[in-house]
C-alpha atoms as a PDB file:
ATOM      1  CA  MET A   1     170.006 -88.249-117.088  1.00  0.00           C
ATOM      2  CA  MET A   2     167.403 -87.215-114.485  1.00  0.00           C
ATOM      3  CA  SER A   3     165.504 -90.185-113.025  1.00  0.00           C
ATOM      4  CA  SER A   4     161.695 -90.261-113.167  1.00  0.00           C
ATOM      5  CA  LEU A   5     161.568 -90.142-109.360  1.00  0.00           C
ATOM      6  CA  THR A   6     163.831 -87.075-109.220  1.00  0.00           C
ATOM      7  CA  MET A   7     161.788 -85.374-111.929  1.00  0.00           C
ATOM      8  CA  ARG A   8     158.547 -86.135-110.085  1.00  0.00           C
ATOM      9  CA  ASN A   9     159.965 -84.792-106.814  1.00  0.00           C
ATOM     10  CA  GLU A  10     160.996 -81.564-108.539  1.00  0.00           C
ATOM     11  CA  LEU A  11     157.571 -81.202-110.166  1.00  0.00           C
ATOM     12  CA  ASP A  12     155.855 -81.891-106.824  1.00  0.00           C
ATOM     13  CA  GLY A  13     158.022 -79.265-105.157  1.00  0.00           C
ATOM     14  CA  TYR A  14     157.227 -76.737-107.897  1.00  0.00           C
ATOM     15  CA  ALA A  15     153.476 -77.412-107.526  1.00  0.00           C
ATOM     16  CA  SER A  16     153.739 -76.939-103.768  1.00  0.00           C
ATOM     17  CA  GLU A  17     155.565 -73.635-104.233  1.00  0.00           C
ATOM     18  CA  LEU A  18     152.801 -72.414-106.546  1.00  0.00           C
ATOM     19  CA  LEU A  19     150.152 -73.479-104.040  1.00  0.00           C
ATOM     20  CA  ALA A  20     151.974 -71.582-101.298  1.00  0.00           C
ATOM     21  CA  GLU A  21     152.189 -68.430-103.427  1.00  0.00           C
ATOM     22  CA  GLN A  22     148.488 -68.477-104.260  1.00  0.00           C
ATOM     23  CA  LEU A  23     147.516 -69.300-100.678  1.00  0.00           C
ATOM     24  CA  ALA A  24     149.525 -66.313 -99.426  1.00  0.00           C
ATOM     25  CA  ALA A  25     147.914 -63.987-101.969  1.00  0.00           C
ATOM     26  CA  GLU A  26     144.313 -65.227-101.998  1.00  0.00           C
ATOM     27  CA  GLY A  27     143.733 -67.285 -98.850  1.00  0.00           C
ATOM     28  CA  TRP A  28     143.081 -70.313-101.068  1.00  0.00           C
ATOM     29  CA  ALA A  29     144.829 -72.266-103.813  1.00  0.00           C
ATOM     30  CA  VAL A  30     144.105 -75.125-106.193  1.00  0.00           C
ATOM     31  CA  THR A  31     146.010 -77.534-108.423  1.00  0.00           C
ATOM     32  CA  GLU A  32     144.452 -80.096-110.761  1.00  0.00           C
ATOM     33  CA  SER A  33     147.224 -82.697-110.570  1.00  0.00           C
ATOM     34  CA  PHE A  34     148.520 -82.986-107.029  1.00  0.00           C
ATOM     35  CA  LEU A  35     149.162 -86.768-107.125  1.00  0.00           C
ATOM     36  CA  PRO A  36     149.779 -89.244-109.957  1.00  0.00           C
ATOM     37  CA  ALA A  37     146.557 -90.494-111.537  1.00  0.00           C
ATOM     38  CA  SER A  38     147.372 -94.054-110.466  1.00  0.00           C
ATOM     39  CA  VAL A  39     147.517 -93.029-106.787  1.00  0.00           C
ATOM     40  CA  VAL A  40     144.275 -91.059-107.064  1.00  0.00           C
ATOM     41  CA  ALA A  41     142.591 -94.064-108.695  1.00  0.00           C
ATOM     42  CA  ALA A  42     143.850 -96.366-105.933  1.00  0.00           C
ATOM     43  CA  LEU A  43     142.544 -94.005-103.256  1.00  0.00           C
ATOM     44  CA  ARG A  44     139.155 -93.875-104.969  1.00  0.00           C
ATOM     45  CA  ALA A  45     139.021 -97.681-105.206  1.00  0.00           C
ATOM     46  CA  GLU A  46     139.824 -97.976-101.504  1.00  0.00           C
ATOM     47  CA  ALA A  47     137.248 -95.362-100.524  1.00  0.00           C
ATOM     48  CA  ASP A  48     134.597 -97.001-102.681  1.00  0.00           C
ATOM     49  CA  ALA A  49     135.284-100.461-101.226  1.00  0.00           C
ATOM     50  CA  LEU A  50     135.137 -99.105 -97.671  1.00  0.00           C
ATOM     51  CA  TRP A  51     131.926 -97.242 -98.474  1.00  0.00           C
ATOM     52  CA  GLN A  52     130.318-100.337 -99.975  1.00  0.00           C
ATOM     53  CA  GLY A  53     131.507-102.302 -96.929  1.00  0.00           C
ATOM     54  CA  GLY A  54     129.653-100.013 -94.523  1.00  0.00           C
ATOM     55  CA  LYS A  55     132.787 -98.601 -92.860  1.00  0.00           C
ATOM     56  CA  PHE A  56     131.765 -94.935 -93.055  1.00  0.00           C
ATOM     57  CA  ARG A  57     129.716 -93.128 -90.410  1.00  0.00           C
ATOM     58  CA  GLN A  58     127.507 -90.071 -90.553  1.00  0.00           C
ATOM     59  CA  ALA A  59     129.552 -86.915 -90.042  1.00  0.00           C
ATOM     60  CA  ALA A  60     128.738 -84.817 -86.994  1.00  0.00           C
ATOM     61  CA  ILE A  61     128.773 -81.088 -86.299  1.00  0.00           C
ATOM     62  CA  GLY A  62     130.209 -79.710 -83.069  1.00  0.00           C
ATOM     63  CA  ARG A  63     132.397 -81.292 -80.406  1.00  0.00           C
ATOM     64  CA  GLY A  64     131.927 -83.208 -77.172  1.00  0.00           C
ATOM     65  CA  ASN A  65     128.423 -83.213 -75.762  1.00  0.00           C
ATOM     66  CA  ASP A  66     127.309 -80.767 -78.454  1.00  0.00           C
ATOM     67  CA  ALA A  67     128.338 -83.042 -81.335  1.00  0.00           C
ATOM     68  CA  GLY A  68     125.633 -84.622 -83.432  1.00  0.00           C
ATOM     69  CA  ALA A  69     124.483 -85.467 -86.930  1.00  0.00           C
ATOM     70  CA  ARG A  70     122.500 -82.676 -88.575  1.00  0.00           C
ATOM     71  CA  PRO A  71     121.591 -83.792 -92.108  1.00  0.00           C
ATOM     72  CA  ALA A  72     119.822 -80.506 -92.813  1.00  0.00           C
ATOM     73  CA  THR A  73     123.241 -78.838 -92.545  1.00  0.00           C
ATOM     74  CA  ARG A  74     125.748 -81.572 -93.354  1.00  0.00           C
ATOM     75  CA  GLY A  75     125.041 -84.767 -95.282  1.00  0.00           C
ATOM     76  CA  ASP A  76     128.397 -86.487 -95.787  1.00  0.00           C
ATOM     77  CA  GLN A  77     129.661 -89.699 -94.247  1.00  0.00           C
ATOM     78  CA  ILE A  78     133.319 -90.054 -93.223  1.00  0.00           C
ATOM     79  CA  LEU A  79     136.088 -92.504 -92.342  1.00  0.00           C
ATOM     80  CA  TRP A  80     139.228 -91.242 -90.599  1.00  0.00           C
ATOM     81  CA  LEU A  81     142.664 -92.358 -91.776  1.00  0.00           C
ATOM     82  CA  ASP A  82     144.984 -93.906 -89.193  1.00  0.00           C
ATOM     83  CA  GLU A  83     148.575 -92.767 -89.757  1.00  0.00           C
ATOM     84  CA  ARG A  84     149.822 -95.950 -88.045  1.00  0.00           C
ATOM     85  CA  SER A  85     148.176 -98.269 -90.586  1.00  0.00           C
ATOM     86  CA  LEU A  86     148.143 -96.558 -93.955  1.00  0.00           C
ATOM     87  CA  THR A  87     147.793 -98.434 -97.218  1.00  0.00           C
ATOM     88  CA  VAL A  88     150.377 -97.881 -99.947  1.00  0.00           C
ATOM     89  CA  ALA A  89     148.195 -95.289-101.690  1.00  0.00           C
ATOM     90  CA  GLN A  90     147.323 -93.558 -98.426  1.00  0.00           C
ATOM     91  CA  ASP A  91     151.022 -93.371 -97.554  1.00  0.00           C
ATOM     92  CA  GLU A  92     151.731 -91.727-100.927  1.00  0.00           C
ATOM     93  CA  TYR A  93     149.091 -89.136-100.101  1.00  0.00           C
ATOM     94  CA  TRP A  94     150.466 -88.642 -96.583  1.00  0.00           C
ATOM     95  CA  GLN A  95     154.039 -88.128 -97.816  1.00  0.00           C
ATOM     96  CA  ALA A  96     152.941 -85.646-100.481  1.00  0.00           C
ATOM     97  CA  MET A  97     150.931 -83.708 -97.911  1.00  0.00           C
ATOM     98  CA  ASP A  98     153.864 -83.666 -95.507  1.00  0.00           C
ATOM     99  CA  ALA A  99     156.064 -82.260 -98.256  1.00  0.00           C
ATOM    100  CA  LEU A 100     153.447 -79.562 -98.850  1.00  0.00           C
ATOM    101  CA  ARG A 101     153.370 -78.852 -95.096  1.00  0.00           C
ATOM    102  CA  LEU A 102     157.109 -78.218 -95.096  1.00  0.00           C
ATOM    103  CA  VAL A 103     156.836 -75.847 -98.062  1.00  0.00           C
ATOM    104  CA  LEU A 104     154.013 -73.903 -96.403  1.00  0.00           C
ATOM    105  CA  ASN A 105     156.024 -73.629 -93.193  1.00  0.00           C
ATOM    106  CA  ARG A 106     159.147 -72.483 -95.029  1.00  0.00           C
ATOM    107  CA  THR A 107     157.387 -69.889 -97.173  1.00  0.00           C
ATOM    108  CA  LEU A 108     154.478 -68.718 -95.000  1.00  0.00           C
ATOM    109  CA  PHE A 109     155.840 -69.377 -91.481  1.00  0.00           C
ATOM    110  CA  LEU A 110     152.649 -71.165 -90.390  1.00  0.00           C
ATOM    111  CA  GLY A 111     154.156 -73.535 -87.826  1.00  0.00           C
ATOM    112  CA  LEU A 112     152.134 -76.486 -89.135  1.00  0.00           C
ATOM    113  CA  GLN A 113     152.894 -79.599 -87.082  1.00  0.00           C
ATOM    114  CA  ASN A 114     150.780 -82.483 -88.347  1.00  0.00           C
ATOM    115  CA  LEU A 115     147.917 -83.651 -90.517  1.00  0.00           C
ATOM    116  CA  GLU A 116     144.559 -85.238 -89.790  1.00  0.00           C
ATOM    117  CA  ALA A 117     142.469 -86.584 -92.660  1.00  0.00           C
ATOM    118  CA  HIS A 118     139.405 -88.616 -93.536  1.00  0.00           C
ATOM    119  CA  PHE A 119     137.649 -89.992 -96.573  1.00  0.00           C
ATOM    120  CA  ALA A 120     134.319 -88.263 -97.156  1.00  0.00           C
ATOM    121  CA  VAL A 121     131.425 -89.357 -99.329  1.00  0.00           C
ATOM    122  CA  TYR A 122     128.410 -87.242-100.261  1.00  0.00           C
ATOM    123  CA  PRO A 123     125.520 -89.340-101.600  1.00  0.00           C
ATOM    124  CA  PRO A 124     123.500 -87.661-104.376  1.00  0.00           C
ATOM    125  CA  ALA A 125     121.583 -84.517-103.299  1.00  0.00           C
ATOM    126  CA  THR A 126     123.504 -84.136-100.004  1.00  0.00           C
ATOM    127  CA  PHE A 127     125.506 -81.014 -99.141  1.00  0.00           C
ATOM    128  CA  TYR A 128     127.322 -79.094 -96.425  1.00  0.00           C
ATOM    129  CA  ARG A 129     126.032 -75.584 -95.824  1.00  0.00           C
ATOM    130  CA  LYS A 130     128.279 -72.540 -95.474  1.00  0.00           C
ATOM    131  CA  HIS A 131     130.729 -72.864 -92.579  1.00  0.00           C
ATOM    132  CA  VAL A 132     134.366 -72.472 -91.518  1.00  0.00           C
ATOM    133  CA  ASP A 133     136.613 -75.381 -90.553  1.00  0.00           C
ATOM    134  CA  ARG A 134     137.622 -74.279 -87.070  1.00  0.00           C
ATOM    135  CA  PHE A 135     135.816 -74.966 -83.816  1.00  0.00           C
ATOM    136  CA  ALA A 136     134.929 -71.977 -81.673  1.00  0.00           C
ATOM    137  CA  ASP A 137     136.912 -73.381 -78.738  1.00  0.00           C
ATOM    138  CA  ALA A 138     139.964 -74.705 -80.625  1.00  0.00           C
ATOM    139  CA  ASP A 139     142.395 -73.032 -83.017  1.00  0.00           C
ATOM    140  CA  GLU A 140     144.710 -75.890 -84.016  1.00  0.00           C
ATOM    141  CA  ARG A 141     143.314 -76.320 -87.532  1.00  0.00           C
ATOM    142  CA  ALA A 142     145.113 -73.845 -89.771  1.00  0.00           C
ATOM    143  CA  ILE A 143     144.898 -75.051 -93.392  1.00  0.00           C
ATOM    144  CA  SER A 144     142.090 -77.138 -94.908  1.00  0.00           C
ATOM    145  CA  CYS A 145     142.899 -79.473 -97.805  1.00  0.00           C
ATOM    146  CA  SER A 146     140.462 -81.368-100.050  1.00  0.00           C
ATOM    147  CA  LEU A 147     141.735 -83.924-102.565  1.00  0.00           C
ATOM    148  CA  TYR A 148     138.993 -85.048-104.952  1.00  0.00           C
ATOM    149  CA  LEU A 149     138.593 -88.640-106.137  1.00  0.00           C
ATOM    150  CA  ASN A 150     135.906 -88.414-108.827  1.00  0.00           C
ATOM    151  CA  PRO A 151     136.976 -89.521-112.326  1.00  0.00           C
ATOM    152  CA  ASP A 152     135.179 -88.144-115.375  1.00  0.00           C
ATOM    153  CA  TRP A 153     133.347 -85.585-113.247  1.00  0.00           C
ATOM    154  CA  GLN A 154     131.524 -82.993-115.333  1.00  0.00           C
ATOM    155  CA  CYS A 155     130.160 -79.537-114.522  1.00  0.00           C
ATOM    156  CA  ASP A 156     126.580 -80.801-114.713  1.00  0.00           C
ATOM    157  CA  ASP A 157     127.356 -83.376-111.997  1.00  0.00           C
ATOM    158  CA  GLY A 158     127.447 -80.569-109.420  1.00  0.00           C
ATOM    159  CA  GLY A 159     129.115 -81.077-106.058  1.00  0.00           C
ATOM    160  CA  TRP A 160     131.182 -77.902-106.395  1.00  0.00           C
ATOM    161  CA  LEU A 161     133.251 -76.615-103.495  1.00  0.00           C
ATOM    162  CA  ARG A 162     132.217 -72.974-103.145  1.00  0.00           C
ATOM    163  CA  LEU A 163     134.703 -70.660-101.412  1.00  0.00           C
ATOM    164  CA  TYR A 164     133.472 -67.277-100.219  1.00  0.00           C
ATOM    165  CA  ALA A 165     136.652 -65.465-101.155  1.00  0.00           C
ATOM    166  CA  GLY A 166     135.865 -61.787-101.544  1.00  0.00           C
ATOM    167  CA  GLU A 167     132.876 -60.364-103.395  1.00  0.00           C
ATOM    168  CA  THR A 168     132.644 -63.174-105.948  1.00  0.00           C
ATOM    169  CA  PRO A 169     132.595 -66.794-104.705  1.00  0.00           C
ATOM    170  CA  VAL A 170     135.082 -69.238-106.196  1.00  0.00           C
ATOM    171  CA  GLU A 171     133.711 -72.633-107.274  1.00  0.00           C
ATOM    172  CA  ILE A 172     135.978 -75.674-107.644  1.00  0.00           C
ATOM    173  CA  LEU A 173     134.886 -78.789-109.508  1.00  0.00           C
ATOM    174  CA  PRO A 174     135.634 -81.979-107.491  1.00  0.00           C
ATOM    175  CA  ARG A 175     137.319 -83.792-110.382  1.00  0.00           C
ATOM    176  CA  ALA A 176     139.803 -86.574-109.598  1.00  0.00           C
ATOM    177  CA  GLY A 177     143.298 -85.291-108.782  1.00  0.00           C
ATOM    178  CA  THR A 178     142.278 -81.744-107.908  1.00  0.00           C
ATOM    179  CA  LEU A 179     143.564 -80.450-104.555  1.00  0.00           C
ATOM    180  CA  ALA A 180     142.060 -77.345-102.961  1.00  0.00           C
ATOM    181  CA  VAL A 181     143.709 -75.730 -99.926  1.00  0.00           C
ATOM    182  CA  PHE A 182     142.480 -72.747 -97.933  1.00  0.00           C
ATOM    183  CA  ARG A 183     142.771 -71.086 -94.548  1.00  0.00           C
ATOM    184  CA  SER A 184     140.576 -72.900 -92.048  1.00  0.00           C
ATOM    185  CA  GLU A 185     139.558 -69.928 -89.909  1.00  0.00           C
ATOM    186  CA  THR A 186     139.010 -67.204 -92.462  1.00  0.00           C
ATOM    187  CA  MET A 187     137.559 -68.959 -95.523  1.00  0.00           C
ATOM    188  CA  PRO A 188     133.806 -69.687 -95.328  1.00  0.00           C
ATOM    189  CA  HIS A 189     132.837 -72.401 -97.779  1.00  0.00           C
ATOM    190  CA  GLU A 190     130.169 -74.943 -98.644  1.00  0.00           C
ATOM    191  CA  VAL A 191     129.710 -78.153-100.605  1.00  0.00           C
ATOM    192  CA  LEU A 192     126.936 -77.958-103.183  1.00  0.00           C
ATOM    193  CA  PRO A 193     124.639 -80.923-103.980  1.00  0.00           C
ATOM    194  CA  ALA A 194     125.645 -83.371-106.696  1.00  0.00           C
ATOM    195  CA  VAL A 195     123.739 -85.804-108.877  1.00  0.00           C
ATOM    196  CA  ARG A 196     126.407 -88.491-108.402  1.00  0.00           C
ATOM    197  CA  THR A 197     128.117 -89.918-105.344  1.00  0.00           C
ATOM    198  CA  ARG A 198     131.020 -87.589-104.553  1.00  0.00           C
ATOM    199  CA  PHE A 199     134.266 -88.799-102.908  1.00  0.00           C
ATOM    200  CA  SER A 200     137.098 -86.790-101.391  1.00  0.00           C
ATOM    201  CA  LEU A 201     140.016 -87.121 -99.025  1.00  0.00           C
ATOM    202  CA  THR A 202     139.755 -84.142 -96.706  1.00  0.00           C
ATOM    203  CA  GLY A 203     142.504 -83.085 -94.325  1.00  0.00           C
ATOM    204  CA  TRP A 204     143.623 -80.314 -92.037  1.00  0.00           C
ATOM    205  CA  PHE A 205     147.126 -79.145 -91.247  1.00  0.00           C
ATOM    206  CA  ARG A 206     147.263 -78.463 -87.525  1.00  0.00           C
ATOM    207  CA  ARG A 207     149.516 -76.190 -85.507  1.00  0.00           C
ATOM    208  CA  ARG A 208     150.144 -75.709 -81.825  1.00  0.00           C
ATOM    209  CA  SER A 209     147.260 -73.829 -80.184  1.00  0.00           C
ATOM    210  CA  LEU A 210     147.889 -70.105 -79.873  1.00  0.00           C
ATOM    211  CA  ARG A 211     145.327 -69.665 -77.099  1.00  0.00           C
ATOM    212  CA  GLY A 212     146.956 -68.164 -74.044  1.00  0.00           C
ATOM    213  CA  ILE A 213     150.052 -67.234 -76.092  1.00  0.00           C
ATOM    214  CA  LEU A 214     148.882 -64.340 -78.243  1.00  0.00           C
ATOM    215  CA  PRO A 215     147.514 -61.213 -76.525  1.00  0.00           C
END
């Protein structure tokens, strides 16, 4: 008889394969059940406790001397995960993302090397205007990944992730357990305002810089 762990690993691998296929075809992909509900709930509880404890900081735009908070463009607050000191739930997330990284490398030949990730919280009425997830002077970020942590989220709550994929934008509801992945350089997107506090765990798969390598 197949163990529950073996069955879960096979289901996780199947979900990752489907994500890879859609990402290759569309430049974006989404699944509504990337992690077990118990892990998603634990991540939300951790994020909420850290938020209530004042551990988040206002997100900035730009890098180096040009970096700064610009609430008229971006209103979220963030807290970076430290791979060296992950909680049990964060480690579950990290392992699942690493498994996805391996599938994307095997099927799409992306050369993804590692992950960076942070919790993000958007207070009501805040947003992030249309942008891409790669700095003008750095090309390491290859694939953006947003895992949503909002139970019982309804359409009227807002907070949609809007992807500018072709002529008709794609809008993804940030309901708990949903994972959206898309190409960091070529997929403009924005976060629309919500009427409730909106939590996510946002990450980027990074590769070796191609600057100075490609003609």
